[in-house]
C-alpha atoms as a PDB file:
ATOM      1  CA  MET A   1     129.752  81.763  77.742  1.00  0.00           C
ATOM      2  CA  GLN A   2     127.459  83.651  75.256  1.00  0.00           C
ATOM      3  CA  TYR A   3     123.864  83.606  76.651  1.00  0.00           C
ATOM      4  CA  ARG A   4     121.269  82.516  74.155  1.00  0.00           C
ATOM      5  CA  ARG A   5     117.584  83.417  74.652  1.00  0.00           C
ATOM      6  CA  LEU A   6     114.845  80.955  73.451  1.00  0.00           C
ATOM      7  CA  PHE A   7     112.281  82.821  71.333  1.00  0.00           C
ATOM      8  CA  THR A   8     109.107  80.905  70.968  1.00  0.00           C
ATOM      9  CA  PRO A   9     106.065  82.332  69.063  1.00  0.00           C
ATOM     10  CA  GLY A  10     102.933  82.449  71.417  1.00  0.00           C
ATOM     11  CA  GLY A  11     105.308  81.316  74.191  1.00  0.00           C
ATOM     12  CA  CYS A  12     104.451  81.651  77.798  1.00  0.00           C
ATOM     13  CA  TYR A  13     107.581  83.239  79.777  1.00  0.00           C
ATOM     14  CA  PHE A  14     108.499  84.040  83.365  1.00  0.00           C
ATOM     15  CA  PHE A  15     110.716  86.970  83.662  1.00  0.00           C
ATOM     16  CA  THR A  16     112.567  88.757  86.586  1.00  0.00           C
ATOM     17  CA  LEU A  17     113.717  92.157  86.428  1.00  0.00           C
ATOM     18  CA  VAL A  18     115.823  94.004  88.977  1.00  0.00           C
ATOM     19  CA  THR A  19     116.541  97.706  89.619  1.00  0.00           C
ATOM     20  CA  ALA A  20     119.951  98.921  89.526  1.00  0.00           C
ATOM     21  CA  GLN A  21     121.913  98.415  92.454  1.00  0.00           C
ATOM     22  CA  ARG A  22     118.782  97.039  93.881  1.00  0.00           C
ATOM     23  CA  GLN A  23     117.551 100.621  94.753  1.00  0.00           C
ATOM     24  CA  PRO A  24     113.887 100.602  96.224  1.00  0.00           C
ATOM     25  CA  VAL A  25     112.560 102.393  93.251  1.00  0.00           C
ATOM     26  CA  PHE A  26     109.174 101.174  93.608  1.00  0.00           C
ATOM     27  CA  CYS A  27     108.464 102.381  97.146  1.00  0.00           C
ATOM     28  CA  ASP A  28     107.491 105.691  95.395  1.00  0.00           C
ATOM     29  CA  LYS A  29     103.848 105.556  94.240  1.00  0.00           C
ATOM     30  CA  ALA A  30     104.727 107.619  91.375  1.00  0.00           C
ATOM     31  CA  ALA A  31     107.488 104.988  90.192  1.00  0.00           C
ATOM     32  CA  VAL A  32     104.601 102.358  90.455  1.00  0.00           C
ATOM     33  CA  LYS A  33     102.243 104.415  88.545  1.00  0.00           C
ATOM     34  CA  ALA A  34     104.784 105.034  85.713  1.00  0.00           C
ATOM     35  CA  LEU A  35     105.558 101.298  85.451  1.00  0.00           C
ATOM     36  CA  TYR A  36     101.936 100.381  85.026  1.00  0.00           C
ATOM     37  CA  GLU A  37     101.581 103.189  82.360  1.00  0.00           C
ATOM     38  CA  ALA A  38     104.711 102.055  80.729  1.00  0.00           C
ATOM     39  CA  PHE A  39     103.091  98.439  80.434  1.00  0.00           C
ATOM     40  CA  SER A  40      99.955  99.906  79.155  1.00  0.00           C
ATOM     41  CA  HIS A  41     101.627 101.956  76.631  1.00  0.00           C
ATOM     42  CA  VAL A  42     103.772  99.027  75.134  1.00  0.00           C
ATOM     43  CA  ARG A  43     100.819  96.636  75.220  1.00  0.00           C
ATOM     44  CA  THR A  44      98.870  98.955  72.627  1.00  0.00           C
ATOM     45  CA  LYS A  45     101.478  98.465  69.904  1.00  0.00           C
ATOM     46  CA  TYR A  46     102.822  94.991  71.071  1.00  0.00           C
ATOM     47  CA  PRO A  47     100.150  93.158  72.801  1.00  0.00           C
ATOM     48  CA  PHE A  48     100.727  90.442  75.199  1.00  0.00           C
ATOM     49  CA  LYS A  49      98.877  88.915  78.136  1.00  0.00           C
ATOM     50  CA  VAL A  50     100.205  89.471  81.683  1.00  0.00           C
ATOM     51  CA  ASP A  51      99.167  86.181  83.399  1.00  0.00           C
ATOM     52  CA  ALA A  52     100.801  86.793  86.844  1.00  0.00           C
ATOM     53  CA  PHE A  53     102.797  89.951  88.229  1.00  0.00           C
ATOM     54  CA  VAL A  54     104.220  91.003  91.412  1.00  0.00           C
ATOM     55  CA  LEU A  55     106.026  94.278  92.007  1.00  0.00           C
ATOM     56  CA  LEU A  56     108.369  94.759  95.021  1.00  0.00           C
ATOM     57  CA  PRO A  57     110.398  97.733  95.974  1.00  0.00           C
ATOM     58  CA  ASP A  58     113.605  96.639  93.775  1.00  0.00           C
ATOM     59  CA  HIS A  59     112.395  93.934  91.463  1.00  0.00           C
ATOM     60  CA  LEU A  60     109.499  92.413  89.698  1.00  0.00           C
ATOM     61  CA  HIS A  61     108.326  89.062  88.524  1.00  0.00           C
ATOM     62  CA  CYS A  62     105.870  88.318  85.926  1.00  0.00           C
ATOM     63  CA  ILE A  63     104.404  85.753  83.456  1.00  0.00           C
ATOM     64  CA  TRP A  64     103.532  86.684  79.845  1.00  0.00           C
ATOM     65  CA  THR A  65     101.821  84.921  77.083  1.00  0.00           C
ATOM     66  CA  LEU A  66     102.737  86.416  73.541  1.00  0.00           C
ATOM     67  CA  PRO A  67     100.559  86.279  70.568  1.00  0.00           C
ATOM     68  CA  SER A  68     100.467  83.008  68.719  1.00  0.00           C
ATOM     69  CA  ASP A  69     102.426  84.633  65.806  1.00  0.00           C
ATOM     70  CA  ASP A  70     105.009  86.673  67.921  1.00  0.00           C
ATOM     71  CA  HIS A  71     108.003  85.666  69.837  1.00  0.00           C
ATOM     72  CA  ASP A  72     109.478  89.143  70.545  1.00  0.00           C
ATOM     73  CA  PHE A  73     109.518  89.818  74.256  1.00  0.00           C
ATOM     74  CA  ALA A  74     112.951  91.641  74.072  1.00  0.00           C
ATOM     75  CA  THR A  75     111.528  94.566  72.182  1.00  0.00           C
ATOM     76  CA  ARG A  76     108.665  94.740  74.720  1.00  0.00           C
ATOM     77  CA  TRP A  77     110.994  94.825  77.635  1.00  0.00           C
ATOM     78  CA  ARG A  78     113.377  97.312  75.937  1.00  0.00           C
ATOM     79  CA  LEU A  79     110.260  99.683  75.224  1.00  0.00           C
ATOM     80  CA  ILE A  80     108.796  99.190  78.804  1.00  0.00           C
ATOM     81  CA  LYS A  81     112.259  99.952  80.521  1.00  0.00           C
ATOM     82  CA  THR A  82     112.905 102.837  78.261  1.00  0.00           C
ATOM     83  CA  TRP A  83     109.273 104.360  78.602  1.00  0.00           C
ATOM     84  CA  PHE A  84     109.698 104.126  82.452  1.00  0.00           C
ATOM     85  CA  THR A  85     113.072 105.623  82.517  1.00  0.00           C
ATOM     86  CA  LYS A  86     111.859 108.784  80.411  1.00  0.00           C
ATOM     87  CA  HIS A  87     108.815 109.291  82.333  1.00  0.00           C
ATOM     88  CA  TYR A  88     109.800 108.699  85.900  1.00  0.00           C
ATOM     89  CA  GLU A  89     112.647 110.881  87.610  1.00  0.00           C
ATOM     90  CA  SER A  90     114.035 110.030  90.922  1.00  0.00           C
ATOM     91  CA  ASP A  91     117.120 111.163  92.886  1.00  0.00           C
ATOM     92  CA  LEU A  92     117.870 107.336  93.463  1.00  0.00           C
ATOM     93  CA  TYR A  93     119.526 107.119  90.029  1.00  0.00           C
ATOM     94  CA  SER A  94     119.977 110.595  88.937  1.00  0.00           C
ATOM     95  CA  GLY A  95     120.303 110.487  85.127  1.00  0.00           C
ATOM     96  CA  LYS A  96     121.394 106.805  85.177  1.00  0.00           C
ATOM     97  CA  SER A  97     119.220 103.929  84.139  1.00  0.00           C
ATOM     98  CA  PRO A  98     116.952 102.635  87.105  1.00  0.00           C
ATOM     99  CA  TRP A  99     117.452  99.107  85.633  1.00  0.00           C
ATOM    100  CA  GLN A 100     120.052  96.400  85.654  1.00  0.00           C
ATOM    101  CA  PRO A 101     120.914  96.027  82.039  1.00  0.00           C
ATOM    102  CA  ARG A 102     119.766  92.402  81.658  1.00  0.00           C
ATOM    103  CA  TYR A 103     116.649  90.488  83.100  1.00  0.00           C
ATOM    104  CA  TRP A 104     115.961  86.686  83.636  1.00  0.00           C
ATOM    105  CA  GLU A 105     113.619  84.938  81.352  1.00  0.00           C
ATOM    106  CA  HIS A 106     112.407  81.380  81.260  1.00  0.00           C
ATOM    107  CA  LEU A 107     110.007  79.769  78.657  1.00  0.00           C
ATOM    108  CA  LEU A 108     107.592  77.789  80.770  1.00  0.00           C
ATOM    109  CA  ARG A 109     107.551  74.195  79.661  1.00  0.00           C
ATOM    110  CA  ASN A 110     104.387  72.688  80.830  1.00  0.00           C
ATOM    111  CA  ASP A 111     101.520  73.154  83.279  1.00  0.00           C
ATOM    112  CA  LEU A 112     103.549  72.215  86.228  1.00  0.00           C
ATOM    113  CA  ASP A 113     106.202  74.736  85.433  1.00  0.00           C
ATOM    114  CA  TYR A 114     103.762  77.104  85.046  1.00  0.00           C
ATOM    115  CA  GLN A 115     102.040  76.417  88.348  1.00  0.00           C
ATOM    116  CA  HIS A 116     105.268  76.368  90.198  1.00  0.00           C
ATOM    117  CA  HIS A 117     106.341  79.986  88.733  1.00  0.00           C
ATOM    118  CA  LEU A 118     102.814  81.289  89.612  1.00  0.00           C
ATOM    119  CA  ASP A 119     103.218  80.292  93.205  1.00  0.00           C
ATOM    120  CA  TYR A 120     106.601  81.769  93.141  1.00  0.00           C
ATOM    121  CA  ILE A 121     105.437  85.177  91.992  1.00  0.00           C
ATOM    122  CA  HIS A 122     102.620  85.237  94.305  1.00  0.00           C
ATOM    123  CA  TYR A 123     104.488  84.076  97.560  1.00  0.00           C
ATOM    124  CA  ASN A 124     107.341  86.533  96.655  1.00  0.00           C
ATOM    125  CA  PRO A 125     106.241  89.374  99.077  1.00  0.00           C
ATOM    126  CA  VAL A 126     105.976  86.860 101.900  1.00  0.00           C
ATOM    127  CA  LYS A 127     109.451  85.335 101.097  1.00  0.00           C
ATOM    128  CA  HIS A 128     111.098  88.698 101.330  1.00  0.00           C
ATOM    129  CA  GLY A 129     109.333  89.615 104.519  1.00  0.00           C
ATOM    130  CA  TYR A 130     106.887  92.418 103.283  1.00  0.00           C
ATOM    131  CA  VAL A 131     103.686  90.688 104.277  1.00  0.00           C
ATOM    132  CA  GLN A 132     102.401  87.700 106.136  1.00  0.00           C
ATOM    133  CA  ARG A 133     100.149  86.466 103.405  1.00  0.00           C
ATOM    134  CA  PRO A 134     100.210  87.024  99.637  1.00  0.00           C
ATOM    135  CA  LEU A 135      96.542  88.568  99.768  1.00  0.00           C
ATOM    136  CA  ASP A 136      97.940  91.583 101.653  1.00  0.00           C
ATOM    137  CA  TRP A 137     100.593  92.741  99.074  1.00  0.00           C
ATOM    138  CA  PRO A 138      99.003  95.359  96.927  1.00  0.00           C
ATOM    139  CA  HIS A 139     101.122  95.021  93.800  1.00  0.00           C
ATOM    140  CA  SER A 140     100.215  91.482  93.006  1.00  0.00           C
ATOM    141  CA  SER A 141      97.940  89.525  90.551  1.00  0.00           C
ATOM    142  CA  PHE A 142      97.329  87.238  93.661  1.00  0.00           C
ATOM    143  CA  GLN A 143      94.100  89.312  94.345  1.00  0.00           C
ATOM    144  CA  ARG A 144      92.863  88.476  90.894  1.00  0.00           C
ATOM    145  CA  TYR A 145      93.515  84.624  91.344  1.00  0.00           C
ATOM    146  CA  PHE A 146      92.048  84.605  94.997  1.00  0.00           C
ATOM    147  CA  LEU A 147      88.748  86.358  93.624  1.00  0.00           C
ATOM    148  CA  SER A 148      88.586  83.810  90.750  1.00  0.00           C
ATOM    149  CA  GLY A 149      88.769  80.931  93.445  1.00  0.00           C
ATOM    150  CA  ILE A 150      92.025  79.699  92.388  1.00  0.00           C
ATOM    151  CA  TYR A 151      93.760  80.407  95.727  1.00  0.00           C
ATOM    152  CA  PRO A 152      92.359  80.448  99.041  1.00  0.00           C
ATOM    153  CA  LYS A 153      92.548  83.481 101.337  1.00  0.00           C
ATOM    154  CA  ASP A 154      95.237  82.253 103.741  1.00  0.00           C
ATOM    155  CA  TRP A 155      97.383  80.515 100.822  1.00  0.00           C
ATOM    156  CA  GLY A 156     101.022  80.913 101.728  1.00  0.00           C
ATOM    157  CA  SER A 157     100.606  82.479 105.182  1.00  0.00           C
ATOM    158  CA  ASN A 158     102.075  79.254 106.615  1.00  0.00           C
ATOM    159  CA  GLY A 159     105.207  78.907 104.353  1.00  0.00           C
ATOM    160  CA  LEU A 160     105.632  77.463 100.995  1.00  0.00           C
ATOM    161  CA  GLN A 161     107.877  74.788  99.738  1.00  0.00           C
ATOM    162  CA  LEU A 162     108.794  75.894  96.114  1.00  0.00           C
ATOM    163  CA  PRO A 163     111.240  74.162  93.589  1.00  0.00           C
ATOM    164  CA  GLU A 164     114.898  75.131  93.643  1.00  0.00           C
ATOM    165  CA  ASP A 165     114.996  76.370  90.036  1.00  0.00           C
ATOM    166  CA  THR A 166     112.065  78.877  90.050  1.00  0.00           C
ATOM    167  CA  GLY A 167     113.093  82.378  90.760  1.00  0.00           C
ATOM    168  CA  GLY A 168     115.845  83.944  88.821  1.00  0.00           C
ATOM    169  CA  GLU A 169     116.635  86.564  91.734  1.00  0.00           C
END
C-alpha cells in the first residue's frame, strides 16, 4: 500500500516522531537543547506555530499550525531532523540517523479532535510512567496551558480515558 499524506494550507497537524530503535536520545540534555535549536532554526525560514509539544526519551508528539498559505510540513520535518542530526553527536547512533525514517501525521479535523490530541500529548509522560502528573514533566507545553488556566494543576494525575485513535505510537 502506498501511503498518501494530506497537505492542507494553514492546516493544524498532530505529529509523532520516534528515535531509531527507540534509543533514549533525549535523556541527554545536550540532545534536548539541540532539538529545541533545530526547531528554532527551521522556524526562522519556514514559520509554523507549535500549539502543543511533549518530548520523551525516545519520541515526541506535537501539534503544529501552518501559515494560511503553506502546507509543507514535510520540508520542515526534514530540515529539523537533518539539523539535529548534524549538530548533535552521540554514541547511541554513531554515524547513523538517530531518527526512524518516517513519522506519523494526522490532520486535525475539528475542535474535538484537537482537544483529544492536546490531552494525549500532555498525558503522555504519565502514560509512559515517567511522572505522576503532567505538570511534573519538564519537556512539555502542559505548563503553558496550566498557567493559562486551561488545565487544572492536578489534571491527569488520576488517569485519563483517551480515544483509541489518538496516538500514532
